[in-house]
Protein backbone atom coordinates (compact mmCIF):
# COMPACT_ATOMS: atom_id res chain seq x y z
CA UNK A 1 0.01 -0.01 0.00
CA UNK A 2 1.23 3.51 -0.86
CA UNK A 3 1.22 5.82 2.09
CA UNK A 4 -0.22 9.31 1.80
CA UNK A 5 0.04 10.49 5.34
CA UNK A 6 -0.24 14.24 6.08
CA UNK A 7 2.38 14.21 8.74
CA UNK A 8 5.07 12.58 6.34
CA UNK A 9 4.95 15.25 3.67
CA UNK A 10 7.80 17.83 3.44
CA UNK A 11 6.75 21.23 4.66
CA UNK A 12 7.34 22.80 1.22
CA UNK A 13 4.51 20.65 -0.47
CA UNK A 14 0.75 21.40 -0.11
CA UNK A 15 -0.92 19.32 2.48
CA UNK A 16 -3.91 17.44 1.16
CA UNK A 17 -6.12 17.82 4.23
CA UNK A 18 -9.34 16.89 2.39
CA UNK A 19 -8.49 13.62 0.64
CA UNK A 20 -6.02 10.73 1.18
CA UNK A 21 -5.59 8.42 -1.81
CA UNK A 22 -4.92 4.58 -1.10
CA UNK A 23 -4.09 2.21 -3.88
CA UNK A 24 -3.67 -1.63 -3.30
CA UNK A 25 -0.77 -3.45 -5.16
CA UNK A 26 -1.08 -7.10 -6.28
CA UNK A 27 1.92 -9.50 -6.74
CA UNK A 28 2.42 -10.52 -10.44
CA UNK A 29 3.61 -14.04 -11.58
CA UNK A 30 7.11 -12.98 -11.67
CA UNK A 31 7.16 -11.63 -8.16
CA UNK A 32 7.07 -7.94 -9.28
CA UNK A 33 4.42 -5.71 -7.91
CA UNK A 34 2.02 -4.30 -10.30
CA UNK A 35 0.03 -1.34 -9.58
CA UNK A 36 -3.59 -1.06 -10.89
CA UNK A 37 -4.28 1.41 -13.63
CA UNK A 38 -5.70 4.63 -12.26
CA UNK A 39 -9.18 5.41 -13.40
CA UNK A 40 -10.08 9.02 -14.14
CA UNK A 41 -11.94 10.61 -11.26
CA UNK A 42 -15.30 11.94 -11.79
CA UNK A 43 -16.95 14.55 -9.51
CA UNK A 44 -20.21 13.34 -7.99
CA UNK A 45 -21.44 16.95 -7.54
CA UNK A 46 -20.86 18.79 -10.83
CA UNK A 47 -21.96 22.50 -10.63
CA UNK A 48 -25.53 23.06 -12.13
CA UNK A 49 -25.87 25.72 -14.82
CA UNK A 50 -27.12 29.10 -13.49
CA UNK A 51 -30.01 28.97 -16.08
CA UNK A 52 -31.74 25.92 -17.42
CA UNK A 53 -31.47 25.42 -21.37
CA UNK A 54 -34.16 27.22 -23.12
CA UNK A 55 -36.98 25.19 -24.56
CA UNK A 56 -37.62 25.35 -28.26
CA UNK A 57 -39.77 28.28 -29.28
CA UNK A 58 -43.30 27.66 -30.25
CA UNK A 59 -44.55 28.59 -33.62
CA UNK A 60 -45.59 32.23 -33.97
CA UNK A 61 -49.38 32.36 -33.71
CA UNK A 62 -49.85 34.33 -37.05
CA UNK A 63 -53.51 33.44 -37.11
CA UNK A 64 -54.01 35.36 -33.92
CA UNK A 65 -53.41 38.64 -35.69
CA UNK A 66 -56.90 38.46 -37.31
CA UNK A 67 -57.34 40.15 -40.51
CA UNK A 68 -53.68 41.27 -40.31
CA UNK A 69 -52.50 37.71 -40.63
CA UNK A 70 -53.33 38.04 -44.40
CA UNK A 71 -50.78 40.77 -44.69
CA UNK A 72 -48.16 39.10 -42.54
CA UNK A 73 -48.43 35.76 -44.45
CA UNK A 74 -48.08 37.52 -47.76
CA UNK A 75 -44.99 39.27 -46.57
CA UNK A 76 -43.64 35.79 -45.44
CA UNK A 77 -44.10 34.36 -48.89
CA UNK A 78 -42.86 37.30 -50.79
CA UNK A 79 -39.69 38.37 -48.67
CA UNK A 80 -39.07 34.83 -47.34
CA UNK A 81 -38.70 35.91 -43.61
CA UNK A 82 -39.77 34.08 -40.54
CA UNK A 83 -43.49 34.76 -39.61
CA UNK A 84 -42.35 36.65 -36.58
CA UNK A 85 -40.50 39.28 -38.42
CA UNK A 86 -43.37 39.91 -40.85
CA UNK A 87 -45.83 40.15 -37.82
CA UNK A 88 -43.64 42.69 -36.27
CA UNK A 89 -43.67 44.91 -39.17
CA UNK A 90 -47.41 44.42 -39.67
CA UNK A 91 -48.34 45.21 -36.12
CA UNK A 92 -46.11 48.32 -35.93
CA UNK A 93 -47.81 49.83 -38.89
CA UNK A 94 -51.24 48.91 -37.80
CA UNK A 95 -50.49 50.61 -34.32
CA UNK A 96 -49.40 53.76 -35.98
CA UNK A 97 -52.54 53.76 -38.13
CA UNK A 98 -54.86 53.13 -35.10
CA UNK A 99 -53.46 55.21 -32.26
CA UNK A 100 -54.81 58.49 -33.74
CA UNK A 101 -58.46 57.21 -33.60
CA UNK A 102 -58.58 55.24 -30.35
CA UNK A 103 -57.14 54.91 -26.75
CA UNK A 104 -56.80 51.84 -24.50
CA UNK A 105 -59.42 51.91 -21.78
CA UNK A 106 -58.11 50.31 -18.58
CA UNK A 107 -60.33 48.46 -16.13
CA UNK A 108 -60.63 51.33 -13.87
CA UNK A 109 -61.47 53.92 -16.50
CA UNK A 110 -57.90 55.28 -17.14
CA UNK A 111 -57.05 56.01 -20.81
CA UNK A 112 -53.63 55.15 -22.17
CA UNK A 113 -52.36 55.68 -25.84
CA UNK A 114 -52.63 52.85 -28.22
CA UNK A 115 -49.00 52.57 -28.63
CA UNK A 116 -46.72 49.47 -29.22
CA UNK A 117 -43.05 49.13 -28.83
CA UNK A 118 -41.18 46.67 -30.95
CA UNK A 119 -37.51 45.68 -31.27
CA UNK A 120 -36.45 43.15 -33.89
CA UNK A 121 -33.08 41.29 -33.47
CA UNK A 122 -31.97 39.63 -36.52
CA UNK A 123 -28.62 39.17 -38.36
CA UNK A 124 -27.63 41.75 -41.10
CA UNK A 125 -28.89 40.68 -44.57
CA UNK A 126 -31.84 38.70 -43.31
CA UNK A 127 -34.28 41.02 -44.97
CA UNK A 128 -35.77 42.79 -42.03
CA UNK A 129 -35.81 46.14 -43.91
CA UNK A 130 -37.54 44.47 -46.89
CA UNK A 131 -40.36 43.15 -44.57
CA UNK A 132 -40.63 46.69 -42.97
CA UNK A 133 -40.80 48.19 -46.58
CA UNK A 134 -43.59 45.90 -47.56
CA UNK A 135 -45.58 46.59 -44.42
CA UNK A 136 -45.17 50.34 -44.40
CA UNK A 137 -45.69 51.28 -47.97
CA UNK A 138 -49.18 52.61 -47.16
CA UNK A 139 -47.49 55.16 -44.76
CA UNK A 140 -45.05 56.16 -47.47
CA UNK A 141 -47.98 56.77 -49.76
CA UNK A 142 -49.84 58.59 -47.24
CA UNK A 143 -46.83 60.88 -46.53
CA UNK A 144 -46.38 61.51 -50.10
CA UNK A 145 -50.12 62.64 -50.28
CA UNK A 146 -49.57 64.90 -47.23
CA UNK A 147 -46.55 66.61 -48.72
CA UNK A 148 -48.32 67.36 -51.91
CA UNK A 149 -51.26 68.85 -50.13
CA UNK A 150 -48.95 70.75 -47.54
CA UNK A 151 -47.23 72.49 -50.34
CA UNK A 152 -50.48 74.20 -51.37
CA UNK A 153 -51.83 74.61 -48.03
CA UNK A 154 -48.70 76.27 -46.84
CA UNK A 155 -48.81 78.91 -49.53
CA UNK A 156 -52.42 79.73 -48.60
CA UNK A 157 -51.66 79.87 -44.91
CA UNK A 158 -48.72 82.32 -45.42
CA UNK A 159 -51.07 84.66 -47.52
CA UNK A 160 -53.81 84.34 -44.87
CA UNK A 161 -51.40 84.91 -41.97
CA UNK A 162 -49.84 87.98 -43.46
CA UNK A 163 -53.17 89.46 -44.15
CA UNK A 164 -54.39 88.69 -40.64
CA UNK A 165 -51.28 90.15 -39.09
CA UNK A 166 -51.58 93.36 -41.25
CA UNK A 167 -55.20 93.88 -40.22
CA UNK A 168 -54.49 93.26 -36.47
CA UNK A 169 -51.77 95.81 -36.59
CA UNK A 170 -54.09 98.25 -38.30
CA UNK A 171 -56.82 97.77 -35.68
CA UNK A 172 -54.12 98.09 -33.03
CA UNK A 173 -52.67 101.35 -34.41
CA UNK A 174 -55.92 103.02 -35.27
CA UNK A 175 -56.09 106.31 -33.14
CA UNK A 176 -59.67 107.20 -34.15
CA UNK A 177 -61.39 104.35 -32.43
CA UNK A 178 -62.06 103.82 -28.71
CA UNK A 179 -61.25 100.68 -26.53
CA UNK A 180 -64.67 99.05 -27.10
CA UNK A 181 -64.60 99.53 -30.71
CA UNK A 182 -61.06 98.09 -30.83
CA UNK A 183 -62.10 95.10 -28.86
CA UNK A 184 -65.20 94.58 -31.23
CA UNK A 185 -62.96 94.70 -34.33
CA UNK A 186 -60.33 92.37 -32.90
CA UNK A 187 -63.12 90.02 -31.93
CA UNK A 188 -64.48 90.12 -35.46
CA UNK A 189 -61.12 89.62 -36.86
CA UNK A 190 -60.93 86.23 -35.11
CA UNK A 191 -58.14 83.84 -34.37
CA UNK A 192 -54.90 83.70 -36.27
CA UNK A 193 -55.01 81.20 -39.15
CA UNK A 194 -53.64 77.94 -38.09
CA UNK A 195 -50.55 76.56 -39.71
CA UNK A 196 -50.99 73.34 -41.70
CA UNK A 197 -49.89 70.15 -39.94
CA UNK A 198 -46.42 68.95 -40.88
CA UNK A 199 -46.61 66.26 -43.70
CA UNK A 200 -44.70 63.37 -41.98
CA UNK A 201 -45.95 60.42 -39.86
CA UNK A 202 -42.60 58.81 -39.07
CA UNK A 203 -39.24 59.66 -37.97
CA UNK A 204 -35.94 57.88 -37.37
CA UNK A 205 -34.85 59.60 -34.22
CA UNK A 206 -36.26 62.04 -31.74
CA UNK A 207 -35.52 63.86 -28.72
CA UNK A 208 -38.17 64.73 -25.92
CA UNK A 209 -37.79 68.34 -26.36
CA UNK A 210 -38.24 68.14 -30.14
CA UNK A 211 -41.17 65.98 -29.81
CA UNK A 212 -43.00 68.26 -27.47
CA UNK A 213 -42.29 71.23 -29.67
CA UNK A 214 -43.60 69.57 -32.90
CA UNK A 215 -46.73 68.16 -31.37
CA UNK A 216 -48.43 71.55 -32.17
CA UNK A 217 -47.98 71.10 -35.90
CA UNK A 218 -47.55 67.39 -36.15
CA UNK A 219 -50.11 64.76 -37.31
CA UNK A 220 -52.12 63.08 -34.58
CA UNK A 221 -49.96 60.05 -34.64
CA UNK A 222 -46.13 59.70 -34.97
CA UNK A 223 -43.99 56.48 -35.28
CA UNK A 224 -40.47 56.06 -34.67
CA UNK A 225 -39.36 53.59 -37.36
CA UNK A 226 -35.72 52.77 -38.14
CA UNK A 227 -34.05 49.76 -39.85
CA UNK A 228 -30.95 50.26 -37.65
CA UNK A 229 -31.56 50.38 -33.79
CA UNK A 230 -28.26 52.27 -33.32
CA UNK A 231 -29.74 55.41 -35.09
CA UNK A 232 -32.19 55.76 -32.12
CA UNK A 233 -30.20 54.22 -29.15
CA UNK A 234 -27.11 56.17 -30.11
CA UNK A 235 -29.00 59.34 -30.82
CA UNK A 236 -29.17 62.59 -28.72
CA UNK A 237 -32.18 61.42 -27.01
CA UNK A 238 -30.55 58.29 -25.64
CA UNK A 239 -27.32 59.90 -24.38
CA UNK A 240 -26.41 59.23 -20.69
CA UNK A 241 -28.09 62.42 -19.38
CA UNK A 242 -31.28 61.97 -21.46
CA UNK A 243 -31.83 58.22 -21.65
CA UNK A 244 -34.03 57.84 -18.55
CA UNK A 245 -36.04 60.98 -19.31
CA UNK A 246 -36.60 59.83 -22.79
CA UNK A 247 -37.59 56.24 -21.93
CA UNK A 248 -39.92 57.42 -19.16
CA UNK A 249 -41.75 59.84 -21.60
CA UNK A 250 -42.11 57.20 -24.23
């Protein structure tokens, strides 16, 4: 038997306090002592992984989208993308189209905007942008129509605004009328003509200050759409000093 006694080890070597190893020798036919082959040691209590392995994902419930499932399935066939990618694109566009017309009514009567937030993580070249383009072409068409109408409306507004401002100054500077007459004329003049709404429905980046400032002349709904998430996450609205405020406001 081989000895592995703690007290017999030189002071310079580590002392195996936790385990002693004992091997038994057997005599060979020639009289020599043959030691048995040492088997690899296995640990009885291997460490468990911190997280269990993820199960396989269930198929995306495209049919749960209702009438929107037709558009999602068409994008899947045309662009050759996974159903979940097409569904993300369709739902984002549908939310933008609907949120100007309805709100979410919570169980206790509170109203919340009908807004959805999506983040699609997929490799470069996997046709995420193509799926977005197929889903959002109605928005592009609507924005084009708004720009064409805005060109004419803006010209008319500038003329009306200039005429209103001139008439207002004329009434204010008229020294031949009294206070009551001036009030009556200003009341008859009415409010300043409203500037036409900005002809866009989407943006790739925003800041909280710019969003608040633009609401006065922006369409009732605004979507933040970008094919590159870094455009938004690395923008001014998501800097270290603005990240929490922007996220809380959205």
